[in-house]
Structures are given as structure tokens and as C-alpha cells.
Amino acid sequence: MGLYFIQSIHSRYTGVALPYKVEWAYKCFNGETVEREVHHKLEDYRVNNNKEFFQISLEEAKQAITLIGNKFK
């Protein structure tokens, strides 16, 4: 995750109401595809269908990301 991406999330245009801390990052090839597949897998955990926020534990999120991301290493 690049610094520019993290900074853009904190911008007033993304709808992030409060600052947050990045707890974990996963380095992979083709991050956009991994993100899309992870979002699809976790769609039942979405807080709001129009936002990229999920009500899920860090460990559950890490498992889903690793499972999908390993296909792109």
C-alpha cells in the first residue's frame, strides 16, 4: 500500500469520517483484482453497500485476503 493511497483515504473526498490506523498490509501482484475479489467474498459483511467498509475481525479479513492474494503471487 503506497503512501499516496493511504493519504487519499484520509482526504475529505472519500467519506472517511474518522482517522484510522493501518493494522496490516498484503503485498501481491495485481492488487486491483485481489481487492475486487476480496470485496466480493466479504460482501455480506459490508457496513454500507456504497462504501468499502466491512464489519469483520482483522484475523478474518487477513484470512480472506491471504487466501485470494496467494493466487496472485
C-alpha atoms as a PDB file:
ATOM      1  CA  MET A   1       0.000   0.000   0.000  1.00  0.00           C
ATOM      2  CA  GLY A   2       1.624   3.210  -1.085  1.00  0.00           C
ATOM      3  CA  LEU A   3       1.738   6.374   0.991  1.00  0.00           C
ATOM      4  CA  TYR A   4      -0.300   8.235  -1.644  1.00  0.00           C
ATOM      5  CA  PHE A   5      -3.121   5.672  -1.351  1.00  0.00           C
ATOM      6  CA  ILE A   6      -3.187   5.953   2.451  1.00  0.00           C
ATOM      7  CA  GLN A   7      -3.237   9.745   2.266  1.00  0.00           C
ATOM      8  CA  SER A   8      -6.039   9.705  -0.296  1.00  0.00           C
ATOM      9  CA  ILE A   9      -8.198   7.603   2.014  1.00  0.00           C
ATOM     10  CA  HIS A  10      -7.894  10.290   4.674  1.00  0.00           C
ATOM     11  CA  SER A  11      -8.972  13.014   2.252  1.00  0.00           C
ATOM     12  CA  ARG A  12     -12.281  14.785   2.616  1.00  0.00           C
ATOM     13  CA  TYR A  13     -13.494  13.304  -0.684  1.00  0.00           C
ATOM     14  CA  THR A  14     -13.602   9.632   0.311  1.00  0.00           C
ATOM     15  CA  GLY A  15     -16.204   9.853   3.042  1.00  0.00           C
ATOM     16  CA  VAL A  16     -13.956   8.567   5.817  1.00  0.00           C
ATOM     17  CA  ALA A  17     -15.338  10.258   8.910  1.00  0.00           C
ATOM     18  CA  LEU A  18     -12.564   9.405  11.371  1.00  0.00           C
ATOM     19  CA  PRO A  19      -8.845   8.719  11.098  1.00  0.00           C
ATOM     20  CA  TYR A  20      -7.786   5.109  11.410  1.00  0.00           C
ATOM     21  CA  LYS A  21      -4.614   3.075  11.704  1.00  0.00           C
ATOM     22  CA  VAL A  22      -3.448   0.561   9.086  1.00  0.00           C
ATOM     23  CA  GLU A  23      -3.018  -2.681  11.026  1.00  0.00           C
ATOM     24  CA  TRP A  24      -1.775  -4.967   8.256  1.00  0.00           C
ATOM     25  CA  ALA A  25      -0.822  -4.888   4.578  1.00  0.00           C
ATOM     26  CA  TYR A  26      -0.556  -7.647   1.998  1.00  0.00           C
ATOM     27  CA  LYS A  27       1.878  -7.322  -0.889  1.00  0.00           C
ATOM     28  CA  CYS A  28       0.765  -9.033  -4.072  1.00  0.00           C
ATOM     29  CA  PHE A  29       0.714  -8.834  -7.833  1.00  0.00           C
ATOM     30  CA  ASN A  30      -2.420  -7.328  -9.421  1.00  0.00           C
ATOM     31  CA  GLY A  31      -3.780  -5.616  -6.309  1.00  0.00           C
ATOM     32  CA  GLU A  32      -6.877  -4.256  -8.051  1.00  0.00           C
ATOM     33  CA  THR A  33      -8.036  -7.771  -8.940  1.00  0.00           C
ATOM     34  CA  VAL A  34      -7.295  -9.038  -5.437  1.00  0.00           C
ATOM     35  CA  GLU A  35      -9.232  -6.125  -3.939  1.00  0.00           C
ATOM     36  CA  ARG A  36     -12.226  -6.758  -6.218  1.00  0.00           C
ATOM     37  CA  GLU A  37     -12.308 -10.484  -5.366  1.00  0.00           C
ATOM     38  CA  VAL A  38     -11.911  -9.844  -1.629  1.00  0.00           C
ATOM     39  CA  HIS A  39     -14.731  -7.285  -1.709  1.00  0.00           C
ATOM     40  CA  HIS A  40     -16.932  -9.842  -3.467  1.00  0.00           C
ATOM     41  CA  LYS A  41     -16.080 -12.537  -0.911  1.00  0.00           C
ATOM     42  CA  LEU A  42     -16.805 -10.194   2.012  1.00  0.00           C
ATOM     43  CA  GLU A  43     -19.923  -8.528   0.579  1.00  0.00           C
ATOM     44  CA  ASP A  44     -22.133  -9.967   3.369  1.00  0.00           C
ATOM     45  CA  TYR A  45     -20.002  -8.035   5.885  1.00  0.00           C
ATOM     46  CA  ARG A  46     -20.361  -4.606   4.242  1.00  0.00           C
ATOM     47  CA  VAL A  47     -21.425  -1.840   6.608  1.00  0.00           C
ATOM     48  CA  ASN A  48     -22.937   0.122   3.693  1.00  0.00           C
ATOM     49  CA  ASN A  49     -23.372  -1.113   0.114  1.00  0.00           C
ATOM     50  CA  ASN A  50     -21.947   2.161  -1.219  1.00  0.00           C
ATOM     51  CA  LYS A  51     -18.753   2.140   0.875  1.00  0.00           C
ATOM     52  CA  GLU A  52     -15.663  -0.060   1.213  1.00  0.00           C
ATOM     53  CA  PHE A  53     -16.048  -0.743   4.934  1.00  0.00           C
ATOM     54  CA  PHE A  54     -16.688  -4.150   6.442  1.00  0.00           C
ATOM     55  CA  GLN A  55     -17.731  -5.333   9.914  1.00  0.00           C
ATOM     56  CA  ILE A  56     -15.220  -8.159  10.276  1.00  0.00           C
ATOM     57  CA  SER A  57     -12.328  -9.013  12.550  1.00  0.00           C
ATOM     58  CA  LEU A  58      -8.773  -8.327  11.456  1.00  0.00           C
ATOM     59  CA  GLU A  59      -7.989 -12.057  11.531  1.00  0.00           C
ATOM     60  CA  GLU A  60     -10.974 -12.925   9.314  1.00  0.00           C
ATOM     61  CA  ALA A  61     -10.014 -10.184   6.871  1.00  0.00           C
ATOM     62  CA  LYS A  62      -6.392 -11.370   6.790  1.00  0.00           C
ATOM     63  CA  GLN A  63      -7.520 -14.939   6.071  1.00  0.00           C
ATOM     64  CA  ALA A  64      -9.737 -13.849   3.170  1.00  0.00           C
ATOM     65  CA  ILE A  65      -7.069 -11.568   1.689  1.00  0.00           C
ATOM     66  CA  THR A  66      -4.329 -14.185   2.020  1.00  0.00           C
ATOM     67  CA  LEU A  67      -6.486 -16.936   0.505  1.00  0.00           C
ATOM     68  CA  ILE A  68      -7.311 -14.828  -2.530  1.00  0.00           C
ATOM     69  CA  GLY A  69      -3.999 -12.984  -2.726  1.00  0.00           C
ATOM     70  CA  ASN A  70      -1.926 -16.163  -2.820  1.00  0.00           C
ATOM     71  CA  LYS A  71      -3.370 -16.841  -6.278  1.00  0.00           C
ATOM     72  CA  PHE A  72      -1.582 -13.691  -7.491  1.00  0.00           C
ATOM     73  CA  LYS A  73       1.903 -14.111  -6.031  1.00  0.00           C
END
